[in-house]
Amino acid sequence: MDAALQQRSVGALSRAAKRSGSDALYDRLRSCLADAAFVRETLRCTPAYRALPVAANLRCGMWYAGTPDIFTLPPAHFKSTDGHTSHWRFSTARLNLHVATAAAERGGVALVDATTRGKTFPDALTKTVPMWCATLNVALRRLALREAERGQRADGDRALSERQGCETGNDKHAAAGDAWDTAIHLPPWLPASESGQIAARLEGWADELLEVAAPLLEPLLCALQRPLRCLWVGQLSSLIVNEHHGGEGGLDALPFTPIVCVSASMPVADAAAQAAQAAVLAAQSVGAGTAAGAAAASDQSWLYVPGAGDDEESWARLGRSKLALTAGAFWANSERILAGGRAHCEAEVAKLLTGGRCGTATGDQTNGGAGSTYVAEGVSTPTRLGDSGLLLCGAAGAIRSDIFEHVDAMLGLTCSEALAVAVAGGTEPTGSWRVALLRVPGSKREGKARRPGGSTAACDAPESLSLREAMPRALALVRAWRTRGVKRVLLWCDGGVDVCVCAAAALALAMPLPLASGTDASASAAESLIDDPKVAMRRAAAAVCALYPRARPSRPNLKAARLGVEDALGLNARAPQQHT
């Protein structure tokens, strides 16, 4: 075997395979374009769904935007792995409360995702989302009953049942006279045994949810009129499942609040079917019957890739570099990228990436075009965390020339000193007390941010701190700023979705800082910091994520940030040595 081939990892070989053959970049982007047309036709041309707010499920769903106005909500984050058979779990780090709140306020929500060949719907839509709906329904019912017992409501059961006329839920709650549906509702093609095994876990998941986020559910309890439940819509008409159609009343006549799960991809059985479909699409797009048309069809033809937006790390990168095409950048430049056909597609992408005209952080838009209005705003606009005085964003937001119109001081958590200099440049003189940097390695899920000019912002600091080592310094900085009268402190990291989120949760927990008016989740978490720091951190993280929907905190970083503030507060007997 060739020595160079032996040195390449399995992942590298897989990525190389996906950039060739039927999984080439051009095929994937054309497939996304075709599937996005189905998503738009379904959600904007179907009367029942036209008024629903729409969210992409990260990260695959972002590739099916099509037009800037399709996604009207921040992205959701439901992982397929949470719904894998026999490995079901409810994640308190991915509460997606903004989805539930939008559904309560607007009468439903549409979620867009896709999956690869062999399946029609991803596990995220067929199991993770239904599990999330059922767990929230159970938790809300128990919260209402708890309030009734405390005398805050005359009758918690009645308060729920008066909101909707849905059918009786499972036997346990029906025996108690409850009309609020708390059963698990999976698609009809899944085995009943799986529903039973998941149902047995709902009460335990509701316990975890209420332990972490009970105060955050109070607004939802007041707003949600009917329990949450899923409907599933796919590209084949036989897969449109709506056993409780709203009739003449539409979705408003349903006995539940619908979460419409839209799978953008079309299942294709084999390569022969792909080839036949590609020939038809090519003929339709360029016209047949002329020599010019035949020549154009040869270059414009493409093979359909189901779930083309999935696993973007393996195909969206430019060669072996760290530069990668993002969903937002593609939709901002889709006509230019695809106009030249297969022969020019990769060259156009390379021009865009190396020319610094679009973002390169895989999965999150950084600086440049956006497939929807919210994609750019979610990172480049600082988001305030309630009444805490903390704001969050990514490098794209911190680099804005008008940043100090929104904040009073800024703390960067990045390993790139060059990027930090670029952020501060033009806004504050070198050495300003209002700008600080802690060199913390970036998160894999945030990708690599870029310096102006297009190069990747690698870890060019000679000595970097772990997040745990950085947190005592961050705590000291924020406290010092507050003593100087600073009221608005921006925390930023490369992507703005992980490291700064974990740091904000830890700081709000340690100081403590109020994260919401009237719902002081941080203060209640701080009270239990000594007794149960893990639960306290989960509460603070849940509060941050509820206020900052783009947040995707990783478990290792949450743990590191928590241990860091424990070190700073002297709660750990053995704290790591600090770099000098």
Protein backbone atom coordinates (compact mmCIF):
# COMPACT_ATOMS: atom_id res chain seq x y z
CA MET A 1 0.00 0.00 0.00
CA ASP A 2 1.20 3.51 -0.81
CA ALA A 3 2.92 5.18 2.18
CA ALA A 4 0.96 8.44 1.74
CA LEU A 5 -2.30 6.51 1.71
CA GLN A 6 -1.35 4.69 4.91
CA GLN A 7 -0.74 7.99 6.69
CA ARG A 8 -4.20 9.33 5.90
CA SER A 9 -6.86 8.72 8.51
CA VAL A 10 -10.17 7.01 7.89
CA GLY A 11 -11.88 10.38 8.26
CA ALA A 12 -9.60 11.93 5.63
CA LEU A 13 -10.29 9.10 3.20
CA SER A 14 -14.01 9.45 3.83
CA ARG A 15 -13.88 13.19 3.15
CA ALA A 16 -11.94 12.59 -0.05
CA ALA A 17 -14.53 10.06 -1.19
CA LYS A 18 -17.38 12.47 -0.50
CA ARG A 19 -15.72 15.14 -2.61
CA SER A 20 -15.72 12.83 -5.63
CA GLY A 21 -18.22 10.78 -7.60
CA SER A 22 -21.89 11.20 -6.76
CA ASP A 23 -21.01 13.10 -3.57
CA ALA A 24 -19.03 15.86 -5.35
CA LEU A 25 -19.55 19.44 -4.23
CA TYR A 26 -21.56 20.37 -7.31
CA ASP A 27 -23.95 17.44 -6.84
CA ARG A 28 -24.51 18.31 -3.20
CA LEU A 29 -25.16 21.99 -3.82
CA ARG A 30 -27.56 21.29 -6.69
CA SER A 31 -29.34 18.76 -4.46
CA CYS A 32 -29.68 21.37 -1.72
CA LEU A 33 -31.09 23.80 -4.30
CA ALA A 34 -33.70 21.29 -5.44
CA ASP A 35 -34.70 20.27 -1.91
CA ALA A 36 -34.90 23.90 -0.80
CA ALA A 37 -37.51 24.46 -3.51
CA PHE A 38 -39.62 21.71 -1.94
CA VAL A 39 -39.24 23.26 1.51
CA ARG A 40 -40.35 26.66 0.25
CA GLU A 41 -43.28 25.25 -1.71
CA THR A 42 -44.43 23.25 1.31
CA LEU A 43 -44.14 26.00 3.89
CA ARG A 44 -45.03 29.06 1.86
CA CYS A 45 -47.57 27.69 -0.64
CA THR A 46 -49.52 25.32 1.63
CA PRO A 47 -52.24 27.36 3.38
CA ALA A 48 -52.06 25.32 6.59
CA TYR A 49 -48.35 26.00 7.05
CA ARG A 50 -47.99 29.47 5.54
CA ALA A 51 -48.33 31.37 8.81
CA LEU A 52 -46.00 29.14 10.84
CA PRO A 53 -42.59 30.41 11.97
CA VAL A 54 -39.80 28.22 10.59
CA ALA A 55 -36.52 27.08 12.16
CA ALA A 56 -33.70 25.05 10.68
CA ASN A 57 -32.43 22.16 12.75
CA LEU A 58 -28.68 22.51 13.05
CA ARG A 59 -26.69 21.94 11.16
CA CYS A 60 -28.04 20.10 8.15
CA GLY A 61 -31.26 22.11 7.97
CA MET A 62 -29.39 25.35 7.34
CA TRP A 63 -28.53 24.15 3.83
CA TYR A 64 -32.19 24.29 2.77
CA ALA A 65 -32.83 28.00 3.25
CA GLY A 66 -33.34 28.86 -0.41
CA THR A 67 -34.46 32.44 0.22
CA PRO A 68 -33.60 34.97 2.95
CA ASP A 69 -37.06 34.95 4.51
CA ILE A 70 -37.66 31.22 4.94
CA PHE A 71 -36.13 30.82 8.42
CA THR A 72 -37.86 33.27 10.73
CA LEU A 73 -36.59 31.75 14.00
CA PRO A 74 -33.11 31.13 15.36
CA PRO A 75 -31.91 27.61 14.54
CA ALA A 76 -33.00 24.68 16.69
CA HIS A 77 -30.60 22.04 17.94
CA PHE A 78 -32.14 18.56 18.15
CA LYS A 79 -29.52 15.84 17.80
CA SER A 80 -30.31 12.56 16.08
CA THR A 81 -28.06 10.72 18.53
CA ASP A 82 -30.45 11.63 21.36
CA GLY A 83 -33.09 9.56 19.58
CA HIS A 84 -31.08 6.52 18.60
CA THR A 85 -32.77 3.27 19.56
CA SER A 86 -31.94 2.13 23.11
CA HIS A 87 -29.87 5.29 23.63
CA TRP A 88 -32.71 7.77 24.09
CA ARG A 89 -31.96 10.82 26.19
CA PHE A 90 -33.36 14.25 26.96
CA SER A 91 -30.70 16.95 26.93
CA THR A 92 -31.02 19.80 29.43
CA ALA A 93 -28.23 21.56 27.51
CA ARG A 94 -30.43 21.74 24.39
CA LEU A 95 -33.79 22.85 25.71
CA ASN A 96 -34.81 24.73 22.53
CA LEU A 97 -37.27 26.78 24.57
CA HIS A 98 -37.40 29.44 21.86
CA VAL A 99 -39.06 26.85 19.60
CA ALA A 100 -41.68 25.98 22.21
CA THR A 101 -42.32 29.66 22.96
CA ALA A 102 -42.79 30.47 19.27
CA ALA A 103 -45.14 27.51 18.90
CA ALA A 104 -47.20 28.74 21.86
CA GLU A 105 -47.39 32.29 20.54
CA ARG A 106 -48.00 31.47 16.86
CA GLY A 107 -49.99 28.24 17.08
CA GLY A 108 -47.21 25.98 15.86
CA VAL A 109 -43.71 25.83 14.39
CA ALA A 110 -42.10 24.15 11.38
CA LEU A 111 -38.69 22.46 11.73
CA VAL A 112 -36.56 21.71 8.66
CA ASP A 113 -33.97 18.93 8.54
CA ALA A 114 -32.81 16.19 6.17
CA THR A 115 -31.14 12.81 6.21
CA THR A 116 -28.91 10.64 4.04
CA ARG A 117 -29.91 7.71 1.84
CA GLY A 118 -31.72 4.82 3.43
CA LYS A 119 -34.09 6.93 5.50
CA THR A 120 -36.95 9.28 4.84
CA PHE A 121 -36.74 11.26 8.07
CA PRO A 122 -33.78 11.78 10.41
CA ASP A 123 -34.00 10.39 13.94
CA ALA A 124 -33.96 13.98 15.18
CA LEU A 125 -37.43 14.54 13.65
CA THR A 126 -38.96 11.11 14.27
CA LYS A 127 -37.77 10.57 17.84
CA THR A 128 -35.77 13.39 19.45
CA VAL A 129 -38.39 16.08 18.76
CA PRO A 130 -41.39 13.92 19.82
CA MET A 131 -39.49 13.02 23.02
CA TRP A 132 -38.87 16.72 23.63
CA CYS A 133 -42.57 17.52 23.10
CA ALA A 134 -43.73 14.80 25.49
CA THR A 135 -41.18 15.72 28.17
CA LEU A 136 -42.22 19.38 28.05
CA ASN A 137 -45.89 18.36 28.25
CA VAL A 138 -45.24 16.22 31.33
CA ALA A 139 -43.15 18.93 32.98
CA LEU A 140 -45.71 21.66 32.31
CA ARG A 141 -48.53 19.59 33.75
CA ARG A 142 -46.54 18.85 36.88
CA LEU A 143 -45.57 22.50 37.18
CA ALA A 144 -49.24 23.52 37.00
CA LEU A 145 -50.16 20.97 39.67
CA ARG A 146 -47.29 22.18 41.84
CA GLU A 147 -48.54 25.75 41.58
CA ALA A 148 -52.04 24.60 42.48
CA GLU A 149 -50.70 22.91 45.60
CA ARG A 150 -48.97 26.13 46.58
CA GLY A 151 -52.20 28.02 46.11
CA GLN A 152 -50.95 30.00 43.12
CA ARG A 153 -53.70 28.51 40.99
CA ALA A 154 -57.13 27.39 42.03
CA ASP A 155 -56.84 24.13 40.14
CA GLY A 156 -53.77 23.22 38.10
CA ASP A 157 -55.51 20.38 36.26
CA ARG A 158 -58.44 22.61 35.38
CA ALA A 159 -56.08 25.40 34.29
CA LEU A 160 -54.56 23.05 31.73
CA SER A 161 -57.70 21.26 30.61
CA GLU A 162 -59.57 24.53 30.04
CA ARG A 163 -56.96 25.58 27.50
CA GLN A 164 -57.65 22.77 25.09
CA GLY A 165 -60.03 19.97 24.32
CA CYS A 166 -57.54 17.27 23.46
CA GLU A 167 -58.17 13.62 23.97
CA THR A 168 -57.19 11.90 27.19
CA GLY A 169 -53.48 11.13 27.58
CA ASN A 170 -51.97 8.04 29.12
CA ASP A 171 -53.90 6.00 31.70
CA LYS A 172 -51.95 7.25 34.70
CA HIS A 173 -52.97 10.85 34.14
CA ALA A 174 -56.42 9.99 32.81
CA ALA A 175 -57.16 8.30 36.13
CA ALA A 176 -56.37 11.60 37.82
CA GLY A 177 -58.90 13.33 35.60
CA ASP A 178 -56.25 15.05 33.44
CA ALA A 179 -57.07 16.05 29.86
CA TRP A 180 -53.61 17.44 29.09
CA ASP A 181 -51.94 14.95 26.74
CA THR A 182 -48.63 13.71 28.16
CA ALA A 183 -48.22 10.61 25.99
CA ILE A 184 -45.36 10.08 23.55
CA HIS A 185 -46.48 10.25 19.91
CA LEU A 186 -44.00 8.78 17.43
CA PRO A 187 -44.58 8.32 13.68
CA PRO A 188 -46.91 5.39 12.92
CA TRP A 189 -44.20 3.47 11.05
CA LEU A 190 -42.08 3.05 14.19
CA PRO A 191 -42.72 -0.02 16.38
CA ALA A 192 -45.06 0.34 19.35
CA SER A 193 -42.45 -1.29 21.58
CA GLU A 194 -40.18 1.71 21.07
CA SER A 195 -42.94 4.08 22.13
CA GLY A 196 -43.45 2.05 25.30
CA GLN A 197 -39.78 2.12 26.23
CA ILE A 198 -39.57 5.86 25.67
CA ALA A 199 -42.79 6.48 27.62
CA ALA A 200 -41.25 4.76 30.65
CA ARG A 201 -38.50 7.40 30.67
CA LEU A 202 -40.66 10.53 30.40
CA GLU A 203 -41.22 11.05 34.12
CA GLY A 204 -37.48 10.83 34.82
CA TRP A 205 -36.70 13.30 32.04
CA ALA A 206 -39.36 15.65 33.40
CA ASP A 207 -37.66 15.44 36.82
CA GLU A 208 -34.35 16.50 35.24
CA LEU A 209 -36.01 19.31 33.30
CA LEU A 210 -37.79 20.75 36.33
CA GLU A 211 -34.67 20.48 38.46
CA VAL A 212 -32.71 22.56 35.95
CA ALA A 213 -35.20 24.89 34.32
CA ALA A 214 -38.47 25.13 36.31
CA PRO A 215 -38.33 28.98 36.47
CA LEU A 216 -37.72 29.13 32.72
CA LEU A 217 -40.89 27.14 32.04
CA GLU A 218 -43.18 29.60 33.83
CA PRO A 219 -43.68 31.87 30.77
CA LEU A 220 -44.32 28.82 28.58
CA LEU A 221 -46.89 27.51 31.07
CA CYS A 222 -48.81 30.76 30.73
CA ALA A 223 -48.55 30.92 26.93
CA LEU A 224 -49.08 27.34 25.74
CA GLN A 225 -52.78 26.66 25.18
CA ARG A 226 -52.50 23.07 23.88
CA PRO A 227 -49.87 20.36 24.39
CA LEU A 228 -47.06 20.02 21.87
CA ARG A 229 -47.17 17.25 19.29
CA CYS A 230 -45.44 16.46 15.99
CA LEU A 231 -46.65 16.14 12.41
CA TRP A 232 -44.32 14.84 9.68
CA VAL A 233 -44.06 16.07 6.09
CA GLY A 234 -41.81 14.48 3.48
CA GLN A 235 -41.27 14.82 -0.27
CA LEU A 236 -43.42 11.81 -1.14
CA SER A 237 -47.14 12.39 -0.76
CA SER A 238 -47.59 8.99 0.87
CA LEU A 239 -45.29 10.15 3.66
CA ILE A 240 -47.33 13.20 4.63
CA VAL A 241 -48.69 12.13 8.01
CA ASN A 242 -51.52 14.21 9.42
CA GLU A 243 -53.97 11.87 11.07
CA HIS A 244 -55.51 14.81 12.98
CA HIS A 245 -55.97 17.22 10.08
CA GLY A 246 -57.48 20.47 11.10
CA GLY A 247 -60.35 20.24 8.64
CA GLU A 248 -61.82 23.59 7.69
CA GLY A 249 -60.34 25.16 10.80
CA GLY A 250 -56.79 24.32 9.73
CA LEU A 251 -54.11 23.90 12.38
CA ASP A 252 -56.11 25.95 14.87
CA ALA A 253 -58.70 23.16 15.00
CA LEU A 254 -56.13 20.57 16.12
CA PRO A 255 -56.31 19.40 19.74
CA PHE A 256 -52.58 20.06 20.09
CA THR A 257 -49.96 22.64 19.14
CA PRO A 258 -48.27 21.22 16.03
CA ILE A 259 -44.53 20.97 15.52
CA VAL A 260 -44.39 20.33 11.77
CA CYS A 261 -41.27 18.27 11.05
CA VAL A 262 -40.25 18.76 7.41
CA SER A 263 -37.69 16.38 5.91
CA ALA A 264 -36.22 18.18 2.91
CA SER A 265 -34.55 15.16 1.33
CA MET A 266 -36.08 12.64 -1.05
CA PRO A 267 -35.20 8.98 -0.49
CA VAL A 268 -33.49 7.47 -3.53
CA ALA A 269 -33.14 3.69 -3.60
CA ASP A 270 -30.14 3.21 -5.86
CA ALA A 271 -27.73 4.81 -8.30
CA ALA A 272 -29.91 3.92 -11.29
CA ALA A 273 -32.78 5.97 -9.89
CA GLN A 274 -30.36 8.82 -9.21
CA ALA A 275 -29.08 8.75 -12.78
CA ALA A 276 -32.58 8.70 -14.25
CA GLN A 277 -33.67 11.60 -12.10
CA ALA A 278 -30.53 13.59 -12.94
CA ALA A 279 -31.15 13.13 -16.68
CA VAL A 280 -34.71 14.40 -16.35
CA LEU A 281 -33.68 17.42 -14.28
CA ALA A 282 -30.86 18.26 -16.68
CA ALA A 283 -33.16 18.09 -19.70
CA GLN A 284 -35.70 20.30 -17.97
CA SER A 285 -33.12 22.89 -16.94
CA VAL A 286 -31.29 23.35 -20.28
CA GLY A 287 -33.76 22.14 -22.86
CA ALA A 288 -33.42 19.16 -25.15
CA GLY A 289 -33.40 18.63 -28.91
CA THR A 290 -30.40 20.75 -29.90
CA ALA A 291 -26.67 20.13 -29.97
CA ALA A 292 -26.10 23.13 -27.72
CA GLY A 293 -28.66 21.79 -25.29
CA ALA A 294 -27.00 18.38 -25.22
CA ALA A 295 -23.59 19.93 -24.56
CA ALA A 296 -25.00 22.11 -21.80
CA ALA A 297 -26.77 19.13 -20.27
CA SER A 298 -23.48 17.27 -20.05
CA ASP A 299 -22.01 19.99 -17.85
CA GLN A 300 -25.19 20.94 -16.01
CA SER A 301 -26.35 17.41 -15.20
CA TRP A 302 -25.98 16.25 -11.63
CA LEU A 303 -26.69 13.30 -9.38
CA TYR A 304 -29.15 13.75 -6.56
CA VAL A 305 -27.64 13.30 -3.08
CA PRO A 306 -30.25 12.68 -0.35
CA GLY A 307 -29.54 14.76 2.74
CA ALA A 308 -26.83 16.60 0.87
CA GLY A 309 -26.34 19.14 3.65
CA ASP A 310 -25.55 16.49 6.25
CA ASP A 311 -22.03 16.00 7.64
CA GLU A 312 -20.73 19.23 6.13
CA GLU A 313 -17.27 18.82 7.64
CA SER A 314 -16.59 16.02 5.17
CA TRP A 315 -17.44 17.83 1.94
CA ALA A 316 -17.66 21.62 2.42
CA ARG A 317 -13.94 22.19 3.01
CA LEU A 318 -11.73 23.58 0.27
CA GLY A 319 -9.24 20.78 -0.40
CA ARG A 320 -7.10 20.06 2.64
CA SER A 321 -7.33 23.60 3.99
CA LYS A 322 -9.41 24.72 6.96
CA LEU A 323 -11.48 26.99 4.74
CA ALA A 324 -15.04 25.75 4.36
CA LEU A 325 -18.16 26.87 2.58
CA THR A 326 -21.03 27.65 4.95
CA ALA A 327 -24.73 27.39 4.29
CA GLY A 328 -25.16 31.14 4.63
CA ALA A 329 -22.31 31.88 2.26
CA PHE A 330 -23.68 29.42 -0.31
CA TRP A 331 -27.15 30.94 -0.39
CA ALA A 332 -25.74 34.45 -0.62
CA ASN A 333 -23.74 33.43 -3.70
CA SER A 334 -25.63 30.40 -5.05
CA GLU A 335 -26.23 31.79 -8.54
CA ARG A 336 -22.58 32.65 -9.00
CA ILE A 337 -21.38 29.31 -7.63
CA LEU A 338 -23.67 27.17 -9.78
CA ALA A 339 -23.88 29.26 -12.96
CA GLY A 340 -20.72 27.81 -14.48
CA GLY A 341 -21.80 24.21 -14.03
CA ARG A 342 -19.76 21.35 -12.62
CA ALA A 343 -16.52 22.45 -14.27
CA HIS A 344 -16.42 25.82 -12.52
CA CYS A 345 -18.22 25.15 -9.24
CA GLU A 346 -15.22 24.39 -7.04
CA ALA A 347 -13.22 27.22 -8.61
CA GLU A 348 -15.96 29.72 -7.77
CA VAL A 349 -16.13 28.46 -4.19
CA ALA A 350 -12.34 28.80 -3.89
CA LYS A 351 -12.51 32.39 -5.14
CA LEU A 352 -15.15 33.26 -2.58
CA LEU A 353 -13.30 31.68 0.32
CA THR A 354 -9.81 32.93 -0.44
CA GLY A 355 -11.15 36.36 -1.37
CA GLY A 356 -12.51 36.87 2.14
CA ARG A 357 -16.03 37.43 0.94
CA CYS A 358 -17.76 34.79 3.03
CA GLY A 359 -17.40 33.00 6.33
CA THR A 360 -15.38 29.89 6.91
CA ALA A 361 -16.48 28.58 10.28
CA THR A 362 -18.24 25.34 9.40
CA GLY A 363 -21.80 25.37 10.70
CA ASP A 364 -21.85 29.04 11.72
CA GLN A 365 -21.72 32.13 9.59
CA THR A 366 -18.90 34.50 10.47
CA ASN A 367 -18.25 37.49 8.23
CA GLY A 368 -20.06 37.90 4.95
CA GLY A 369 -23.18 36.77 3.15
CA ALA A 370 -26.05 35.01 4.82
CA GLY A 371 -28.76 32.65 3.67
CA SER A 372 -31.29 34.31 5.96
CA THR A 373 -31.42 37.55 7.88
CA TYR A 374 -31.05 35.75 11.16
CA VAL A 375 -27.94 33.76 10.20
CA ALA A 376 -25.81 36.90 10.18
CA GLU A 377 -27.48 38.64 13.11
CA GLY A 378 -27.20 35.62 15.39
CA VAL A 379 -23.41 35.96 15.57
CA SER A 380 -22.60 39.51 14.50
CA THR A 381 -25.09 41.29 16.74
CA PRO A 382 -24.32 41.20 20.49
CA THR A 383 -27.13 39.51 22.41
CA ARG A 384 -27.92 40.75 25.91
CA LEU A 385 -28.39 38.14 28.64
CA GLY A 386 -31.31 39.52 30.60
CA ASP A 387 -30.32 41.88 33.41
CA SER A 388 -26.87 40.37 33.92
CA GLY A 389 -24.97 43.06 32.03
CA LEU A 390 -23.33 40.33 29.92
CA LEU A 391 -23.59 40.17 26.13
CA LEU A 392 -22.52 37.37 23.77
CA CYS A 393 -21.48 37.17 20.13
CA GLY A 394 -18.84 35.69 17.85
CA ALA A 395 -15.75 37.24 16.31
CA ALA A 396 -17.89 38.68 13.50
CA GLY A 397 -19.75 40.78 16.06
CA ALA A 398 -16.69 41.80 18.05
CA ILE A 399 -14.93 43.04 14.93
CA ARG A 400 -17.65 45.60 14.15
CA SER A 401 -16.38 49.17 14.07
CA ASP A 402 -19.39 50.36 16.09
CA ILE A 403 -19.10 47.67 18.78
CA PHE A 404 -18.57 50.15 21.61
CA GLU A 405 -21.91 51.72 20.86
CA HIS A 406 -23.39 48.47 22.19
CA VAL A 407 -20.92 47.50 24.94
CA ASP A 408 -18.63 49.18 27.46
CA ALA A 409 -15.90 46.51 27.65
CA MET A 410 -15.11 43.26 25.84
CA LEU A 411 -13.37 40.04 26.79
CA GLY A 412 -12.20 37.71 24.02
CA LEU A 413 -11.84 33.98 24.62
CA THR A 414 -9.78 32.94 21.63
CA CYS A 415 -6.41 31.35 20.95
CA SER A 416 -5.60 33.78 18.14
CA GLU A 417 -3.84 36.96 19.19
CA ALA A 418 -3.95 38.17 15.59
CA LEU A 419 -7.72 37.82 15.57
CA ALA A 420 -7.95 39.68 18.88
CA VAL A 421 -5.86 42.52 17.46
CA ALA A 422 -8.15 42.66 14.43
CA VAL A 423 -11.16 42.84 16.75
CA ALA A 424 -9.74 45.71 18.77
CA GLY A 425 -8.24 47.52 15.79
CA GLY A 426 -9.98 50.72 14.83
CA THR A 427 -12.10 50.83 17.98
CA GLU A 428 -9.68 51.22 20.89
CA PRO A 429 -5.96 52.06 21.18
CA THR A 430 -3.60 49.20 21.93
CA GLY A 431 -3.53 48.37 25.64
CA SER A 432 -6.96 49.86 26.39
CA TRP A 433 -8.39 48.66 29.69
CA ARG A 434 -11.73 48.11 27.96
CA VAL A 435 -10.39 45.30 25.74
CA ALA A 436 -9.03 42.06 27.18
CA LEU A 437 -8.02 38.71 25.73
CA LEU A 438 -7.68 35.29 27.31
CA ARG A 439 -6.06 32.75 25.01
CA VAL A 440 -8.41 29.79 25.12
CA PRO A 441 -8.40 27.06 22.44
CA GLY A 442 -11.49 27.23 20.25
CA SER A 443 -14.27 24.67 20.18
CA LYS A 444 -14.58 22.15 17.34
CA ARG A 445 -18.24 23.02 16.92
CA GLU A 446 -17.35 26.68 16.36
CA GLY A 447 -14.83 26.01 13.61
CA LYS A 448 -12.09 28.48 12.83
CA ALA A 449 -12.69 32.19 12.51
CA ARG A 450 -10.76 34.20 9.95
CA ARG A 451 -8.42 37.14 9.90
CA PRO A 452 -9.11 39.89 7.40
CA GLY A 453 -7.66 38.71 4.11
CA GLY A 454 -8.92 35.17 4.31
CA SER A 455 -6.37 33.20 6.33
CA THR A 456 -7.47 30.95 9.14
CA ALA A 457 -7.15 32.28 12.69
CA ALA A 458 -5.08 29.44 14.08
CA CYS A 459 -3.78 29.23 17.62
CA ASP A 460 -0.79 31.54 17.24
CA ALA A 461 -0.40 32.34 20.94
CA PRO A 462 2.80 30.88 22.44
CA GLU A 463 1.02 29.91 25.63
CA SER A 464 -2.69 29.21 25.85
CA LEU A 465 -4.81 28.59 28.89
CA SER A 466 -7.38 25.90 29.30
CA LEU A 467 -10.86 27.27 29.87
CA ARG A 468 -10.62 26.18 33.49
CA GLU A 469 -7.40 28.16 33.95
CA ALA A 470 -8.89 31.18 32.19
CA MET A 471 -12.07 31.44 34.27
CA PRO A 472 -10.48 32.87 37.48
CA ARG A 473 -8.92 35.63 35.38
CA ALA A 474 -12.21 36.24 33.57
CA LEU A 475 -14.04 36.49 36.89
CA ALA A 476 -11.47 38.96 38.23
CA LEU A 477 -11.66 41.07 35.06
CA VAL A 478 -15.46 41.31 35.06
CA ARG A 479 -15.50 42.18 38.76
CA ALA A 480 -12.87 44.88 38.21
CA TRP A 481 -14.82 46.34 35.31
CA ARG A 482 -17.99 46.46 37.35
CA THR A 483 -16.22 48.35 40.15
CA ARG A 484 -15.21 50.93 37.51
CA GLY A 485 -18.84 51.43 36.54
CA VAL A 486 -18.91 49.20 33.46
CA LYS A 487 -22.46 47.98 32.92
CA ARG A 488 -22.21 46.13 29.57
CA VAL A 489 -19.53 43.45 29.17
CA LEU A 490 -19.23 41.54 25.91
CA LEU A 491 -17.91 37.97 25.98
CA TRP A 492 -16.91 36.68 22.56
CA CYS A 493 -15.22 33.63 21.09
CA ASP A 494 -14.51 32.51 17.53
CA GLY A 495 -17.96 31.18 16.68
CA GLY A 496 -19.98 32.70 19.51
CA VAL A 497 -21.84 29.49 20.32
CA ASP A 498 -19.79 27.47 22.80
CA VAL A 499 -16.80 28.85 24.75
CA CYS A 500 -18.26 32.28 25.52
CA VAL A 501 -21.61 30.66 26.41
CA CYS A 502 -19.98 28.39 28.98
CA ALA A 503 -17.99 31.31 30.38
CA ALA A 504 -21.12 33.46 30.68
CA ALA A 505 -23.00 30.72 32.55
CA ALA A 506 -20.10 30.27 34.97
CA LEU A 507 -19.72 34.03 35.58
CA ALA A 508 -23.45 34.49 36.14
CA LEU A 509 -23.30 31.61 38.60
CA ALA A 510 -20.26 32.83 40.52
CA MET A 511 -20.92 36.55 40.89
CA PRO A 512 -24.01 36.01 40.84
CA LEU A 513 -25.73 37.92 38.05
CA PRO A 514 -29.48 38.02 37.33
CA LEU A 515 -30.18 36.52 33.92
CA ALA A 516 -33.84 37.47 33.62
CA SER A 517 -36.23 39.95 35.16
CA GLY A 518 -38.51 38.17 37.59
CA THR A 519 -36.90 34.80 36.83
CA ASP A 520 -33.60 34.93 38.66
CA ALA A 521 -32.33 31.49 37.65
CA SER A 522 -28.72 32.50 38.24
CA ALA A 523 -29.27 33.59 41.84
CA SER A 524 -31.09 30.37 42.71
CA ALA A 525 -28.28 28.44 41.06
CA ALA A 526 -25.65 30.35 43.03
CA GLU A 527 -27.33 29.37 46.29
CA SER A 528 -26.68 25.69 45.52
CA LEU A 529 -23.15 26.16 44.15
CA ILE A 530 -21.56 24.67 47.25
CA ASP A 531 -24.14 21.95 47.81
CA ASP A 532 -24.50 20.73 44.21
CA PRO A 533 -22.29 22.64 41.75
CA LYS A 534 -23.16 20.40 38.79
CA VAL A 535 -26.87 21.10 39.06
CA ALA A 536 -26.16 24.77 39.70
CA MET A 537 -24.12 25.01 36.51
CA ARG A 538 -26.79 23.23 34.48
CA ARG A 539 -29.35 25.76 35.73
CA ALA A 540 -27.19 28.72 34.82
CA ALA A 541 -26.40 27.21 31.39
CA ALA A 542 -30.10 26.57 30.75
CA ALA A 543 -30.88 30.20 31.59
CA VAL A 544 -28.17 31.46 29.21
CA CYS A 545 -29.34 29.17 26.40
CA ALA A 546 -32.93 30.34 26.85
CA LEU A 547 -31.80 33.94 26.34
CA TYR A 548 -29.30 33.14 23.57
CA PRO A 549 -30.89 30.51 21.27
CA ARG A 550 -27.79 30.09 19.09
CA ALA A 551 -25.89 28.70 22.07
CA ARG A 552 -24.45 25.21 21.69
CA PRO A 553 -22.38 24.67 24.85
CA SER A 554 -20.35 21.48 24.91
CA ARG A 555 -20.26 19.30 27.99
CA PRO A 556 -16.44 19.47 28.42
CA ASN A 557 -16.45 23.27 28.25
CA LEU A 558 -19.34 23.56 30.69
CA LYS A 559 -17.43 21.39 33.13
CA ALA A 560 -14.18 23.33 32.62
CA ALA A 561 -15.90 26.69 33.16
CA ARG A 562 -17.61 25.42 36.32
CA LEU A 563 -14.38 24.06 37.76
CA GLY A 564 -12.67 27.34 36.91
CA VAL A 565 -15.04 29.47 38.97
CA GLU A 566 -14.94 26.90 41.77
CA ASP A 567 -11.16 27.33 41.77
CA ALA A 568 -11.56 31.10 41.89
CA LEU A 569 -13.99 30.88 44.81
CA GLY A 570 -11.79 28.44 46.72
CA LEU A 571 -14.27 25.56 46.51
CA ASN A 572 -11.74 23.11 45.07
CA ALA A 573 -8.97 21.76 47.27
CA ARG A 574 -6.67 21.18 44.31
CA ALA A 575 -6.79 23.92 41.73
CA PRO A 576 -4.49 23.82 38.67
CA GLN A 577 -1.42 26.03 38.66
CA GLN A 578 -1.74 29.24 36.68
CA HIS A 579 0.66 30.16 33.88
CA THR A 580 2.99 32.98 34.78
